Amino acid sequence: MGKMAVLKLPRIDVGQVLDALYERKEQWEYTAEYLDTGIIREPYVIEECSDSKEAMNIAESYGKIIRTIEEQSGVGS
């Protein structure tokens, strides 16, 4: 793991950051679904990657970031 960063934000801002991370995670999950099924559902964008496994790895990475922020901040969905 690289160097750690400590951030202090108002709770409302933490919520906004989490909302954005959840959206990115969902976009990558949708991309993986599209690559596996070929089905397109709007309004999602298909992200650029090599395959559905890569897309799911990226989605899981966003999930890890989300969990870390929720655990540290006490803010969560």
Protein backbone atom coordinates (compact mmCIF):
# COMPACT_ATOMS: atom_id res chain seq x y z
CA MET A 1 0.00 0.00 0.00
CA GLY A 2 1.24 3.49 -0.85
CA LYS A 3 1.43 6.52 1.38
CA MET A 4 -1.72 7.30 3.35
CA ALA A 5 -3.61 10.58 3.08
CA VAL A 6 -5.70 12.08 5.84
CA LEU A 7 -8.60 14.27 4.77
CA LYS A 8 -10.98 16.32 6.86
CA LEU A 9 -14.25 17.13 5.13
CA PRO A 10 -17.70 18.14 6.29
CA ARG A 11 -20.00 15.08 6.46
CA ILE A 12 -22.10 16.46 3.60
CA ASP A 13 -19.01 16.52 1.38
CA VAL A 14 -18.12 12.95 2.38
CA GLY A 15 -21.62 11.97 1.28
CA GLN A 16 -21.08 13.68 -2.07
CA VAL A 17 -17.76 11.88 -2.59
CA LEU A 18 -19.43 8.55 -1.77
CA ASP A 19 -22.27 9.28 -4.21
CA ALA A 20 -19.74 9.86 -6.99
CA LEU A 21 -17.81 6.70 -6.13
CA TYR A 22 -21.01 4.63 -6.10
CA GLU A 23 -21.85 6.01 -9.56
CA ARG A 24 -18.43 5.07 -10.95
CA LYS A 25 -18.68 1.59 -9.40
CA GLU A 26 -22.09 1.12 -11.02
CA GLN A 27 -20.77 2.24 -14.42
CA TRP A 28 -18.01 -0.35 -14.29
CA GLU A 29 -20.43 -3.07 -13.17
CA TYR A 30 -22.69 -2.14 -16.08
CA THR A 31 -19.72 -2.29 -18.44
CA ALA A 32 -18.90 -5.82 -17.21
CA GLU A 33 -22.55 -6.81 -17.69
CA TYR A 34 -22.58 -5.40 -21.22
CA LEU A 35 -19.36 -7.18 -22.14
CA ASP A 36 -20.81 -10.48 -20.86
CA THR A 37 -24.31 -10.15 -22.35
CA GLY A 38 -24.14 -7.59 -25.17
CA ILE A 39 -27.28 -5.95 -23.75
CA ILE A 40 -27.27 -2.15 -23.51
CA ARG A 41 -29.44 -0.44 -20.89
CA GLU A 42 -29.67 3.32 -20.80
CA PRO A 43 -28.53 5.74 -19.42
CA TYR A 44 -25.21 4.04 -18.69
CA VAL A 45 -21.97 4.63 -20.53
CA ILE A 46 -19.78 1.70 -21.53
CA GLU A 47 -16.29 2.25 -20.13
CA GLU A 48 -13.22 1.33 -22.11
CA CYS A 49 -11.43 -1.82 -21.00
CA SER A 50 -10.22 -5.15 -22.35
CA ASP A 51 -12.89 -7.46 -20.93
CA SER A 52 -15.57 -7.96 -18.30
CA LYS A 53 -13.05 -9.27 -15.76
CA GLU A 54 -11.07 -6.04 -15.94
CA ALA A 55 -14.30 -4.04 -15.60
CA MET A 56 -15.32 -6.02 -12.50
CA ASN A 57 -11.84 -5.59 -10.98
CA ILE A 58 -12.20 -1.84 -11.38
CA ALA A 59 -15.72 -1.93 -9.89
CA GLU A 60 -14.41 -3.93 -6.94
CA SER A 61 -11.64 -1.39 -6.45
CA TYR A 62 -14.26 1.36 -6.20
CA GLY A 63 -16.16 -0.82 -3.72
CA LYS A 64 -13.07 -1.12 -1.53
CA ILE A 65 -12.57 2.65 -1.54
CA ILE A 66 -16.25 3.16 -0.66
CA ARG A 67 -16.09 0.71 2.26
CA THR A 68 -12.92 2.33 3.61
CA ILE A 69 -14.45 5.81 3.53
CA GLU A 70 -17.70 4.59 5.11
CA GLU A 71 -15.85 2.77 7.89
CA GLN A 72 -13.58 5.71 8.66
CA SER A 73 -16.24 8.40 8.45
CA GLY A 74 -19.32 6.72 9.84
CA VAL A 75 -21.16 7.96 6.72
CA GLY A 76 -22.74 5.40 4.46
CA SER A 77 -25.72 4.34 2.45
